[in-house]
N, C-alpha and C. Protein backbone atom coordinates (compact mmCIF):
# COMPACT_ATOMS: atom_id res chain seq x y z
N MET A 1 0.77 -1.18 -0.01
CA MET A 1 0.04 -0.36 -0.02
C MET A 1 0.83 1.29 0.02
N ALA A 2 0.33 2.40 -0.64
CA ALA A 2 1.17 3.33 -0.80
C ALA A 2 0.87 4.18 0.33
N ALA A 3 2.11 4.97 0.75
CA ALA A 3 2.33 6.11 1.94
C ALA A 3 1.32 6.82 1.56
N GLY A 4 0.49 7.12 2.73
CA GLY A 4 -0.68 7.58 2.89
C GLY A 4 -2.00 7.56 3.24
N LYS A 5 -2.67 7.41 2.32
CA LYS A 5 -4.02 6.93 2.20
C LYS A 5 -4.18 5.55 2.29
N SER A 6 -5.42 4.92 3.24
CA SER A 6 -5.66 3.44 2.87
C SER A 6 -6.74 3.40 1.73
N GLN A 7 -6.78 2.06 1.29
CA GLN A 7 -7.66 2.30 0.08
C GLN A 7 -9.28 2.44 0.70
N ASP A 8 -9.58 2.62 1.70
CA ASP A 8 -10.93 2.46 2.16
C ASP A 8 -10.83 4.00 2.74
N GLU A 9 -10.00 4.67 2.91
CA GLU A 9 -9.97 6.12 3.22
C GLU A 9 -10.00 6.61 1.65
N SER A 10 -9.85 6.15 0.73
CA SER A 10 -9.36 6.72 -0.67
C SER A 10 -10.84 6.13 -1.41
N SER A 11 -11.50 5.27 -0.88
CA SER A 11 -12.70 4.94 -1.69
C SER A 11 -13.97 5.88 -1.39
N PHE A 12 -13.80 6.14 0.54
CA PHE A 12 -14.95 6.91 1.06
C PHE A 12 -14.72 8.76 0.55
N ASN A 13 -12.96 8.93 0.43
CA ASN A 13 -13.21 10.54 -0.08
C ASN A 13 -13.41 10.48 -1.89
N HIS A 14 -13.13 9.32 -2.64
CA HIS A 14 -13.75 9.56 -4.01
C HIS A 14 -15.09 9.53 -3.72
N SER A 15 -15.83 8.71 -3.06
CA SER A 15 -17.48 8.67 -2.96
C SER A 15 -17.94 9.36 -2.63
N GLN A 16 -17.43 10.14 -1.36
CA GLN A 16 -18.17 11.31 -1.14
C GLN A 16 -18.30 12.67 -2.07
N SER A 17 -16.53 12.89 -2.60
CA SER A 17 -16.68 14.00 -3.64
C SER A 17 -17.24 13.85 -5.04
N TYR A 18 -17.78 12.52 -5.01
CA TYR A 18 -18.39 12.30 -6.37
C TYR A 18 -19.75 12.48 -6.19
N VAL A 19 -20.60 11.87 -4.89
CA VAL A 19 -21.74 12.31 -4.47
C VAL A 19 -21.95 14.28 -4.16
N ALA A 20 -21.06 14.55 -3.55
CA ALA A 20 -21.50 16.18 -3.55
C ALA A 20 -21.21 16.99 -4.52
N ARG A 21 -20.27 16.35 -5.82
CA ARG A 21 -20.46 17.22 -6.99
C ARG A 21 -21.74 16.99 -7.56
N ARG A 22 -22.43 15.48 -7.40
CA ARG A 22 -23.32 15.40 -8.49
C ARG A 22 -24.66 15.98 -8.09
N VAL A 23 -24.90 15.82 -6.32
CA VAL A 23 -25.86 16.83 -5.58
C VAL A 23 -26.00 17.88 -6.20
N SER A 24 -25.02 18.40 -6.06
CA SER A 24 -24.31 20.28 -6.12
C SER A 24 -25.02 20.50 -7.62
N GLU A 25 -24.51 19.61 -8.32
CA GLU A 25 -25.03 20.02 -10.11
C GLU A 25 -26.64 20.05 -10.25
N ALA A 26 -27.45 18.42 -9.46
CA ALA A 26 -28.49 18.83 -10.04
C ALA A 26 -29.21 19.86 -9.11
N LEU A 27 -29.22 19.98 -7.85
CA LEU A 27 -29.38 21.13 -7.02
C LEU A 27 -29.47 22.54 -7.72
N SER A 28 -28.37 23.20 -8.66
CA SER A 28 -28.55 24.15 -9.29
C SER A 28 -29.30 24.05 -10.35
N GLN A 29 -29.88 23.14 -11.17
CA GLN A 29 -30.94 22.92 -12.05
C GLN A 29 -32.02 23.16 -11.79
N ILE A 30 -32.57 23.38 -10.64
CA ILE A 30 -33.65 23.59 -10.02
C ILE A 30 -34.39 25.31 -10.43
N PRO A 31 -34.86 25.57 -10.93
CA PRO A 31 -35.63 26.98 -11.40
C PRO A 31 -35.72 27.58 -9.74
N ALA A 32 -35.62 28.56 -10.11
CA ALA A 32 -35.71 29.66 -8.52
C ALA A 32 -37.20 29.63 -8.59
N GLU A 33 -38.02 29.82 -9.82
CA GLU A 33 -39.53 29.99 -9.80
C GLU A 33 -40.49 28.90 -9.24
N VAL A 34 -39.43 27.62 -9.21
CA VAL A 34 -40.14 26.49 -8.84
C VAL A 34 -39.85 26.23 -7.11
N VAL A 35 -39.02 26.84 -6.73
CA VAL A 35 -38.77 27.23 -5.45
C VAL A 35 -39.75 28.13 -4.88
N THR A 36 -40.00 29.15 -5.29
CA THR A 36 -41.12 30.13 -4.85
C THR A 36 -42.13 29.18 -5.15
N ARG A 37 -42.50 28.82 -6.17
CA ARG A 37 -43.79 28.17 -6.15
C ARG A 37 -44.33 27.02 -4.82
N ALA A 38 -43.15 26.33 -5.06
CA ALA A 38 -43.11 25.48 -3.60
C ALA A 38 -43.43 26.13 -2.15
N VAL A 39 -42.71 27.18 -2.48
CA VAL A 39 -42.83 27.72 -0.77
C VAL A 39 -44.41 28.25 -0.58
N GLU A 40 -44.75 28.89 -1.55
CA GLU A 40 -46.15 29.42 -1.50
C GLU A 40 -47.39 28.31 -1.43
N ILE A 41 -47.23 26.97 -2.31
CA ILE A 41 -48.39 26.62 -1.91
C ILE A 41 -48.07 25.87 -0.23
N LEU A 42 -46.89 25.68 0.34
CA LEU A 42 -46.84 25.24 1.37
C LEU A 42 -47.13 26.45 2.89
N LEU A 43 -46.88 27.56 2.40
CA LEU A 43 -47.75 28.68 3.11
C LEU A 43 -49.14 28.76 3.16
N LYS A 44 -49.56 28.45 2.32
CA LYS A 44 -51.18 28.82 1.99
C LYS A 44 -51.79 27.70 2.35
N ALA A 45 -50.96 26.10 2.71
CA ALA A 45 -51.87 24.93 2.98
C ALA A 45 -51.99 25.17 4.58
N PRO A 46 -53.67 24.80 4.80
CA PRO A 46 -53.70 24.80 6.44
C PRO A 46 -52.97 23.53 7.15
N GLU A 47 -52.88 22.69 6.28
CA GLU A 47 -51.95 21.03 6.85
C GLU A 47 -51.15 20.82 5.76
N ILE A 48 -50.50 20.41 6.07
CA ILE A 48 -49.16 19.63 4.89
C ILE A 48 -48.99 17.77 5.40
N PHE A 49 -49.22 17.26 4.51
CA PHE A 49 -48.66 16.07 4.36
C PHE A 49 -47.25 15.61 3.78
N VAL A 50 -46.38 14.58 4.34
CA VAL A 50 -45.45 14.41 3.53
C VAL A 50 -45.34 12.89 3.49
N TYR A 51 -45.08 12.28 2.30
CA TYR A 51 -44.84 10.96 2.28
C TYR A 51 -43.54 10.51 1.35
N GLY A 52 -43.26 9.57 1.59
CA GLY A 52 -42.05 8.68 1.10
C GLY A 52 -41.79 7.42 1.29
N ALA A 53 -41.61 6.63 0.39
CA ALA A 53 -41.63 5.06 0.97
C ALA A 53 -40.05 4.93 0.73
N GLY A 54 -39.67 3.98 1.96
CA GLY A 54 -38.12 3.64 2.35
C GLY A 54 -37.12 4.76 2.45
N ARG A 55 -35.80 4.78 2.00
CA ARG A 55 -35.20 6.20 2.54
C ARG A 55 -35.68 7.21 2.05
N SER A 56 -36.55 7.35 1.17
CA SER A 56 -37.06 8.82 0.56
C SER A 56 -38.08 9.33 1.91
N GLY A 57 -38.74 8.14 2.57
CA GLY A 57 -39.83 8.23 3.77
C GLY A 57 -39.13 9.20 4.58
N ILE A 58 -37.65 8.36 4.99
CA ILE A 58 -36.86 8.98 6.34
C ILE A 58 -36.48 10.24 5.89
N ILE A 59 -35.89 10.67 5.07
CA ILE A 59 -35.66 12.06 4.66
C ILE A 59 -37.47 12.72 4.63
N GLY A 60 -38.46 12.35 4.04
CA GLY A 60 -39.45 13.07 4.28
C GLY A 60 -39.93 13.15 5.96
N ARG A 61 -39.70 12.25 6.57
CA ARG A 61 -39.89 12.61 8.12
C ARG A 61 -39.17 13.66 8.29
N ALA A 62 -37.91 13.81 7.96
CA ALA A 62 -36.87 15.09 8.71
C ALA A 62 -37.42 15.90 8.24
N PHE A 63 -38.03 16.14 7.26
CA PHE A 63 -38.82 17.99 6.50
C PHE A 63 -39.81 17.93 7.09
N ALA A 64 -40.99 17.25 7.30
CA ALA A 64 -41.97 17.20 8.28
C ALA A 64 -41.64 17.89 9.53
N MET A 65 -40.48 16.83 10.58
CA MET A 65 -39.74 17.57 11.72
C MET A 65 -39.65 19.13 11.58
N ARG A 66 -38.56 19.66 10.47
CA ARG A 66 -38.60 21.07 10.23
C ARG A 66 -39.68 22.01 10.08
N LEU A 67 -40.68 21.40 9.00
CA LEU A 67 -41.99 22.19 9.01
C LEU A 67 -42.74 22.66 10.40
N VAL A 68 -42.50 21.35 10.90
CA VAL A 68 -43.25 21.62 12.35
C VAL A 68 -42.71 22.92 13.52
N GLN A 69 -41.44 22.74 12.98
CA GLN A 69 -40.31 23.40 13.82
C GLN A 69 -40.22 25.06 13.48
N VAL A 70 -40.85 25.02 12.59
CA VAL A 70 -41.00 26.59 11.62
C VAL A 70 -42.30 26.74 11.68
N GLY A 71 -43.08 25.90 12.45
CA GLY A 71 -44.25 26.94 12.79
C GLY A 71 -45.22 26.21 12.19
N LEU A 72 -45.11 25.40 10.76
CA LEU A 72 -46.38 24.91 10.34
C LEU A 72 -47.12 23.79 10.45
N ALA A 73 -48.40 23.23 10.27
CA ALA A 73 -49.13 22.02 10.64
C ALA A 73 -48.21 21.04 9.68
N ALA A 74 -47.72 19.89 10.21
CA ALA A 74 -47.19 18.88 9.02
C ALA A 74 -47.17 17.55 10.01
N PHE A 75 -47.84 16.64 9.16
CA PHE A 75 -48.05 15.30 9.32
C PHE A 75 -47.35 14.28 8.35
N VAL A 76 -47.11 13.61 8.55
CA VAL A 76 -46.56 12.05 8.21
C VAL A 76 -47.20 11.49 7.60
N ILE A 77 -47.70 10.92 6.47
CA ILE A 77 -48.65 9.80 6.08
C ILE A 77 -48.54 8.63 6.40
N GLY A 78 -49.16 7.72 7.13
CA GLY A 78 -49.15 6.49 7.24
C GLY A 78 -48.84 6.49 8.67
N GLU A 79 -48.42 7.36 9.26
CA GLU A 79 -48.34 7.41 11.21
C GLU A 79 -49.89 7.17 11.57
N SER A 80 -50.18 6.93 12.63
CA SER A 80 -51.41 6.48 13.12
C SER A 80 -52.28 7.99 13.57
N THR A 81 -51.44 8.70 14.05
CA THR A 81 -52.18 10.03 14.21
C THR A 81 -52.07 11.31 13.46
N THR A 82 -52.11 10.66 11.74
CA THR A 82 -52.08 11.57 10.86
C THR A 82 -53.36 11.80 10.39
N PRO A 83 -54.14 13.05 10.60
CA PRO A 83 -55.47 13.14 10.03
C PRO A 83 -55.73 13.41 8.49
N ILE A 84 -56.93 13.49 8.17
CA ILE A 84 -57.57 13.14 6.89
C ILE A 84 -56.72 14.59 6.06
N VAL A 85 -56.38 14.36 4.81
CA VAL A 85 -56.19 15.27 3.73
C VAL A 85 -57.53 15.81 3.27
N ARG A 86 -57.78 16.73 3.26
CA ARG A 86 -58.73 17.90 3.10
C ARG A 86 -58.25 18.48 1.74
N ALA A 87 -59.51 19.47 0.72
CA ALA A 87 -59.19 20.50 0.06
C ALA A 87 -58.38 21.35 0.71
N GLY A 88 -57.55 21.93 -0.30
CA GLY A 88 -56.46 23.24 0.01
C GLY A 88 -55.15 22.83 0.80
N ASP A 89 -55.05 21.57 1.65
CA ASP A 89 -53.88 21.08 2.33
C ASP A 89 -53.16 20.95 1.21
N ALA A 90 -51.80 20.54 1.55
CA ALA A 90 -50.61 20.42 0.72
C ALA A 90 -50.17 19.00 0.95
N VAL A 91 -49.60 18.05 -0.45
CA VAL A 91 -49.05 16.95 0.11
C VAL A 91 -47.92 17.02 -0.86
N PHE A 92 -46.66 16.66 -0.04
CA PHE A 92 -45.28 16.78 -0.59
C PHE A 92 -44.62 15.07 -0.41
N ILE A 93 -44.98 14.68 -1.68
CA ILE A 93 -44.11 13.39 -2.17
C ILE A 93 -42.55 13.21 -2.76
N LEU A 94 -41.95 12.74 -1.78
CA LEU A 94 -40.74 12.52 -2.11
C LEU A 94 -40.58 10.80 -2.99
N SER A 95 -39.85 10.97 -4.00
CA SER A 95 -40.00 9.19 -4.61
C SER A 95 -38.86 9.54 -5.97
N GLY A 96 -37.92 8.60 -5.52
CA GLY A 96 -37.27 8.79 -6.86
C GLY A 96 -37.10 8.55 -8.09
N ARG A 97 -37.77 7.36 -8.10
CA ARG A 97 -38.26 6.71 -9.73
C ARG A 97 -39.54 7.14 -9.98
N GLY A 98 -40.45 7.78 -9.27
CA GLY A 98 -41.89 8.08 -9.39
C GLY A 98 -42.75 7.19 -9.81
N GLU A 99 -42.61 6.24 -9.57
CA GLU A 99 -43.45 5.17 -10.38
C GLU A 99 -44.33 4.12 -8.75
N SER A 100 -43.59 4.01 -7.65
CA SER A 100 -43.96 3.12 -6.91
C SER A 100 -45.78 3.44 -6.57
N GLN A 101 -46.28 2.10 -6.62
CA GLN A 101 -47.59 2.05 -6.42
C GLN A 101 -47.92 3.00 -5.27
N SER A 102 -47.59 2.88 -4.11
CA SER A 102 -47.85 3.57 -2.98
C SER A 102 -47.97 4.99 -3.20
N SER A 103 -46.95 5.44 -3.74
CA SER A 103 -47.14 6.70 -3.83
C SER A 103 -47.74 7.54 -4.87
N ILE A 104 -48.37 6.68 -6.36
CA ILE A 104 -49.35 6.93 -7.17
C ILE A 104 -50.73 6.72 -6.65
N GLN A 105 -50.72 5.77 -5.50
CA GLN A 105 -51.93 5.97 -4.86
C GLN A 105 -51.81 6.72 -4.22
N THR A 106 -51.16 7.44 -3.21
CA THR A 106 -51.47 8.67 -2.29
C THR A 106 -51.68 10.03 -3.22
N ALA A 107 -50.99 9.87 -4.39
CA ALA A 107 -51.20 11.00 -5.27
C ALA A 107 -52.79 10.88 -6.01
N ASN A 108 -53.10 9.93 -6.20
CA ASN A 108 -54.64 9.50 -6.76
C ASN A 108 -55.41 10.10 -5.36
N ILE A 109 -55.38 9.44 -4.54
CA ILE A 109 -56.05 10.56 -3.24
C ILE A 109 -55.91 11.73 -3.07
N VAL A 110 -55.11 12.09 -2.80
CA VAL A 110 -54.59 13.51 -2.58
C VAL A 110 -55.24 14.58 -4.09
N ARG A 111 -55.05 14.41 -5.19
CA ARG A 111 -55.98 14.66 -6.46
C ARG A 111 -57.26 14.53 -6.14
N ARG A 112 -57.80 13.54 -5.77
CA ARG A 112 -59.60 13.16 -5.72
C ARG A 112 -59.80 14.39 -4.40
N GLU A 113 -59.20 14.47 -3.48
CA GLU A 113 -59.88 15.45 -2.15
C GLU A 113 -59.31 16.79 -2.29
N GLY A 114 -58.66 17.15 -3.78
CA GLY A 114 -58.30 18.73 -3.71
C GLY A 114 -57.37 19.40 -3.16
N ALA A 115 -56.54 18.46 -2.53
CA ALA A 115 -55.31 18.94 -2.13
C ALA A 115 -54.36 19.52 -3.00
N GLN A 116 -53.23 20.18 -3.07
CA GLN A 116 -51.89 20.38 -3.57
C GLN A 116 -50.98 19.06 -3.87
N LEU A 117 -50.21 19.16 -4.76
CA LEU A 117 -49.72 18.08 -4.86
C LEU A 117 -48.35 18.59 -5.20
N ILE A 118 -47.46 18.56 -4.53
CA ILE A 118 -46.06 18.33 -4.50
C ILE A 118 -44.79 17.59 -4.93
N VAL A 119 -44.55 17.24 -5.60
CA VAL A 119 -43.63 16.14 -6.32
C VAL A 119 -42.51 16.32 -6.23
N LEU A 120 -41.55 15.54 -5.38
CA LEU A 120 -39.98 15.49 -5.82
C LEU A 120 -39.03 14.28 -6.15
N THR A 121 -39.01 14.52 -7.59
CA THR A 121 -39.04 12.94 -8.00
C THR A 121 -37.59 13.03 -8.81
N GLY A 122 -36.73 12.24 -8.91
CA GLY A 122 -35.62 11.78 -9.67
C GLY A 122 -36.00 11.58 -11.65
N ARG A 123 -36.96 11.63 -11.22
CA ARG A 123 -38.13 10.82 -13.14
C ARG A 123 -38.93 11.96 -13.48
N SER A 124 -38.71 13.16 -14.05
CA SER A 124 -39.82 14.11 -14.42
C SER A 124 -40.66 13.81 -15.51
N THR A 125 -40.34 13.02 -16.07
CA THR A 125 -41.42 11.93 -16.98
C THR A 125 -42.51 10.89 -16.46
N SER A 126 -42.23 10.75 -14.85
CA SER A 126 -42.77 9.32 -14.22
C SER A 126 -44.45 9.66 -13.93
N LYS A 127 -45.05 8.65 -13.61
CA LYS A 127 -46.24 9.04 -13.70
C LYS A 127 -46.71 10.11 -12.42
N LEU A 128 -46.04 9.65 -11.21
CA LEU A 128 -46.11 10.54 -9.98
C LEU A 128 -46.34 12.28 -10.49
N ALA A 129 -44.82 12.10 -11.37
CA ALA A 129 -44.60 13.83 -12.16
C ALA A 129 -45.65 14.56 -12.38
N HIS A 130 -46.21 13.72 -13.32
CA HIS A 130 -47.72 14.01 -14.01
C HIS A 130 -48.50 14.16 -13.05
N ALA A 131 -49.03 13.55 -12.35
CA ALA A 131 -49.91 13.73 -11.15
C ALA A 131 -49.91 15.09 -10.45
N ALA A 132 -48.78 15.63 -10.39
CA ALA A 132 -48.25 16.98 -9.74
C ALA A 132 -48.65 17.99 -10.00
N ASN A 133 -49.24 19.00 -9.19
CA ASN A 133 -49.63 20.46 -9.38
C ASN A 133 -48.16 21.31 -9.33
N LEU A 134 -47.16 20.55 -8.87
CA LEU A 134 -45.56 21.06 -9.08
C LEU A 134 -44.90 20.03 -9.07
N ALA A 135 -43.91 19.73 -10.21
CA ALA A 135 -43.09 18.66 -9.93
C ALA A 135 -41.65 19.20 -9.82
N ILE A 136 -40.99 18.50 -8.84
CA ILE A 136 -39.39 19.36 -8.63
C ILE A 136 -38.55 18.28 -9.36
N PRO A 137 -37.99 18.21 -10.49
CA PRO A 137 -36.98 16.98 -10.71
C PRO A 137 -35.61 17.53 -10.07
N LEU A 138 -35.44 15.81 -9.64
CA LEU A 138 -34.05 15.73 -9.01
C LEU A 138 -33.25 14.64 -9.68
N GLU A 139 -32.82 14.98 -10.97
CA GLU A 139 -32.37 14.23 -11.87
C GLU A 139 -31.17 13.59 -11.82
N PHE A 140 -30.56 12.51 -12.27
CA PHE A 140 -29.02 11.90 -11.91
C PHE A 140 -28.72 10.86 -12.95
N PRO A 141 -28.81 11.33 -14.56
CA PRO A 141 -28.12 10.71 -15.37
C PRO A 141 -27.14 9.50 -15.17
N GLU A 142 -27.17 8.28 -15.25
CA GLU A 142 -26.38 7.49 -14.57
C GLU A 142 -25.31 7.21 -15.36
N ASP A 143 -23.84 7.22 -14.61
CA ASP A 143 -22.79 7.49 -15.57
C ASP A 143 -21.85 6.05 -15.31
N ALA A 144 -20.43 5.93 -15.38
CA ALA A 144 -20.26 4.62 -15.22
C ALA A 144 -19.73 4.27 -13.34
N GLU A 145 -19.45 5.65 -12.74
CA GLU A 145 -19.17 5.81 -11.55
C GLU A 145 -20.46 5.53 -10.48
N GLN A 146 -21.48 6.01 -10.94
CA GLN A 146 -22.48 5.76 -9.61
C GLN A 146 -22.93 4.51 -9.44
N PRO A 147 -22.73 3.34 -10.07
CA PRO A 147 -23.12 2.40 -9.32
C PRO A 147 -21.99 1.68 -8.07
N ARG A 148 -21.26 2.50 -8.15
CA ARG A 148 -19.71 1.62 -7.15
C ARG A 148 -20.17 3.35 -6.03
N LEU A 149 -19.98 4.43 -6.66
CA LEU A 149 -19.59 5.43 -5.63
C LEU A 149 -20.92 5.72 -4.93
N ALA A 150 -21.90 5.57 -5.58
CA ALA A 150 -23.64 6.45 -4.95
C ALA A 150 -24.62 4.95 -5.42
N PRO A 151 -24.61 4.19 -4.90
CA PRO A 151 -25.29 2.95 -5.44
C PRO A 151 -26.90 3.05 -4.92
N LEU A 152 -27.55 2.44 -5.96
CA LEU A 152 -29.27 2.79 -5.40
C LEU A 152 -29.49 4.41 -5.62
N GLY A 153 -30.10 4.62 -4.74
CA GLY A 153 -30.95 5.98 -4.74
C GLY A 153 -30.51 7.10 -4.18
N THR A 154 -28.85 6.83 -3.73
CA THR A 154 -27.76 7.63 -2.97
C THR A 154 -27.98 8.73 -2.97
N LEU A 155 -27.48 9.11 -4.57
CA LEU A 155 -28.17 10.81 -5.00
C LEU A 155 -29.07 11.26 -4.85
N PHE A 156 -30.33 10.69 -5.44
CA PHE A 156 -31.38 11.51 -5.12
C PHE A 156 -31.59 11.65 -3.82
N GLU A 157 -31.40 10.43 -2.94
CA GLU A 157 -31.89 10.76 -1.26
C GLU A 157 -31.03 12.04 -0.67
N SER A 158 -29.71 11.95 -1.00
CA SER A 158 -28.34 13.32 -0.81
C SER A 158 -29.23 14.71 -0.98
N ALA A 159 -29.65 14.55 -2.41
CA ALA A 159 -30.33 15.73 -2.78
C ALA A 159 -31.44 15.99 -2.15
N SER A 160 -32.29 15.09 -2.07
CA SER A 160 -33.47 15.59 -1.57
C SER A 160 -33.60 16.25 0.09
N LEU A 161 -32.06 15.49 1.01
CA LEU A 161 -32.24 16.11 2.21
C LEU A 161 -31.76 17.57 1.91
N GLN A 162 -30.86 17.82 1.02
CA GLN A 162 -30.50 19.27 0.65
C GLN A 162 -30.97 19.85 0.40
N PHE A 163 -32.35 19.62 -0.24
CA PHE A 163 -33.08 20.45 -0.99
C PHE A 163 -34.41 21.14 0.27
N THR A 164 -34.84 19.94 0.91
CA THR A 164 -35.74 20.30 1.91
C THR A 164 -35.42 21.15 2.93
N ASP A 165 -33.94 20.69 3.33
CA ASP A 165 -33.36 21.71 4.44
C ASP A 165 -33.31 22.68 3.68
N ALA A 166 -32.73 23.37 2.51
CA ALA A 166 -32.74 24.45 1.85
C ALA A 166 -34.30 25.18 1.83
N LEU A 167 -35.31 24.42 1.23
CA LEU A 167 -36.60 24.83 1.51
C LEU A 167 -37.24 25.61 2.63
N ILE A 168 -36.53 24.75 3.86
CA ILE A 168 -37.04 25.43 4.79
C ILE A 168 -36.38 26.73 5.35
N THR A 169 -35.14 26.97 4.98
CA THR A 169 -34.65 28.48 4.87
C THR A 169 -35.70 29.57 4.32
N SER A 170 -36.12 29.21 3.38
CA SER A 170 -37.04 29.82 2.40
C SER A 170 -38.05 30.34 3.29
N ILE A 171 -38.80 29.04 3.81
CA ILE A 171 -39.91 29.32 4.58
C ILE A 171 -39.68 30.05 6.09
N MET A 172 -38.59 29.93 6.51
CA MET A 172 -38.01 30.67 7.32
C MET A 172 -38.23 31.98 7.40
N ARG A 173 -37.28 32.23 6.03
CA ARG A 173 -37.48 33.91 5.85
C ARG A 173 -39.28 34.22 5.47
N ALA A 174 -39.79 33.72 4.57
CA ALA A 174 -41.29 34.02 4.33
C ALA A 174 -42.19 34.66 5.81
N ARG A 175 -41.88 33.47 6.67
CA ARG A 175 -42.81 33.64 8.02
C ARG A 175 -42.03 34.72 8.94
N GLY A 176 -41.04 34.84 8.87
CA GLY A 176 -39.84 35.66 9.69
C GLY A 176 -39.55 34.84 10.88
N GLU A 177 -39.26 33.68 10.84
CA GLU A 177 -38.78 32.60 11.63
C GLU A 177 -37.02 32.50 11.83
N SER A 178 -36.45 32.41 12.93
CA SER A 178 -34.98 32.16 13.38
C SER A 178 -35.15 30.95 13.32
N GLU A 179 -33.55 30.61 14.09
CA GLU A 179 -33.27 29.58 14.74
C GLU A 179 -34.12 29.01 16.14
N ASP A 180 -33.48 30.53 16.63
CA ASP A 180 -34.57 30.29 18.15
C ASP A 180 -35.65 30.12 18.43
N SER A 181 -36.72 30.67 17.21
CA SER A 181 -38.20 30.49 16.97
C SER A 181 -38.27 29.17 16.91
N MET A 182 -37.22 28.54 16.15
CA MET A 182 -37.55 27.12 15.44
C MET A 182 -37.01 26.38 16.98
N ARG A 183 -35.91 26.69 17.55
CA ARG A 183 -35.77 25.92 18.62
C ARG A 183 -36.89 25.90 19.73
N ARG A 184 -37.80 26.82 19.99
CA ARG A 184 -38.76 26.59 20.86
C ARG A 184 -40.04 25.80 20.54
N ARG A 185 -40.26 25.12 19.40
CA ARG A 185 -40.92 24.18 19.10
C ARG A 185 -40.09 23.11 18.62
N HIS A 186 -38.69 22.86 19.03
CA HIS A 186 -38.27 21.57 18.65
C HIS A 186 -38.51 20.56 19.86
N ALA A 187 -38.71 19.25 19.46
CA ALA A 187 -39.09 18.30 20.67
C ALA A 187 -38.25 18.29 21.63
N ILE A 188 -38.96 18.07 23.00
CA ILE A 188 -37.82 17.93 24.18
C ILE A 188 -37.50 16.50 24.13
N MET A 189 -36.27 15.97 24.20
CA MET A 189 -35.75 14.36 24.49
C MET A 189 -35.41 14.30 26.03
N VAL A 190 -36.28 13.27 26.04
CA VAL A 190 -36.33 12.94 27.40
C VAL A 190 -34.49 11.92 27.59
């Protein structure tokens, strides 16, 4: 082994650099007017519902938590205490492929009830994107390094977390919120 970095350290650094570069490139492609529209929909909604399956669902839960901390009424679809989606509400679905049956079924219910549907997806031509009032594409054309350095949905999921966290800062600004006001709504951990 060469002096300096181990193979594991080199692989980690290469992967981290690759993911950071690809995510940054994808996020820079999202038009400002799409972000503005997403903020408008979310701020107008009496209640916001978030849905995602698998790792997208984990990121969705983190987004819902931040929405509550910024002072909005937000729920995760599928939790036992989640109320019914009604007309005027907003639903935010995260789905890499945009074709999962559970996401499409959720979108169909949302549309039937008259709620606004925002979809964050890795495929702008997916069924889910077509069902959305606002589709936000986070597309990652596959290259030779992707399967080795960012397997499965890693790029979409990493970009989704960064996008939703950045979206929170836009909502904070629009509502006049600060980190201190958000901290007062942060869950108390025992």
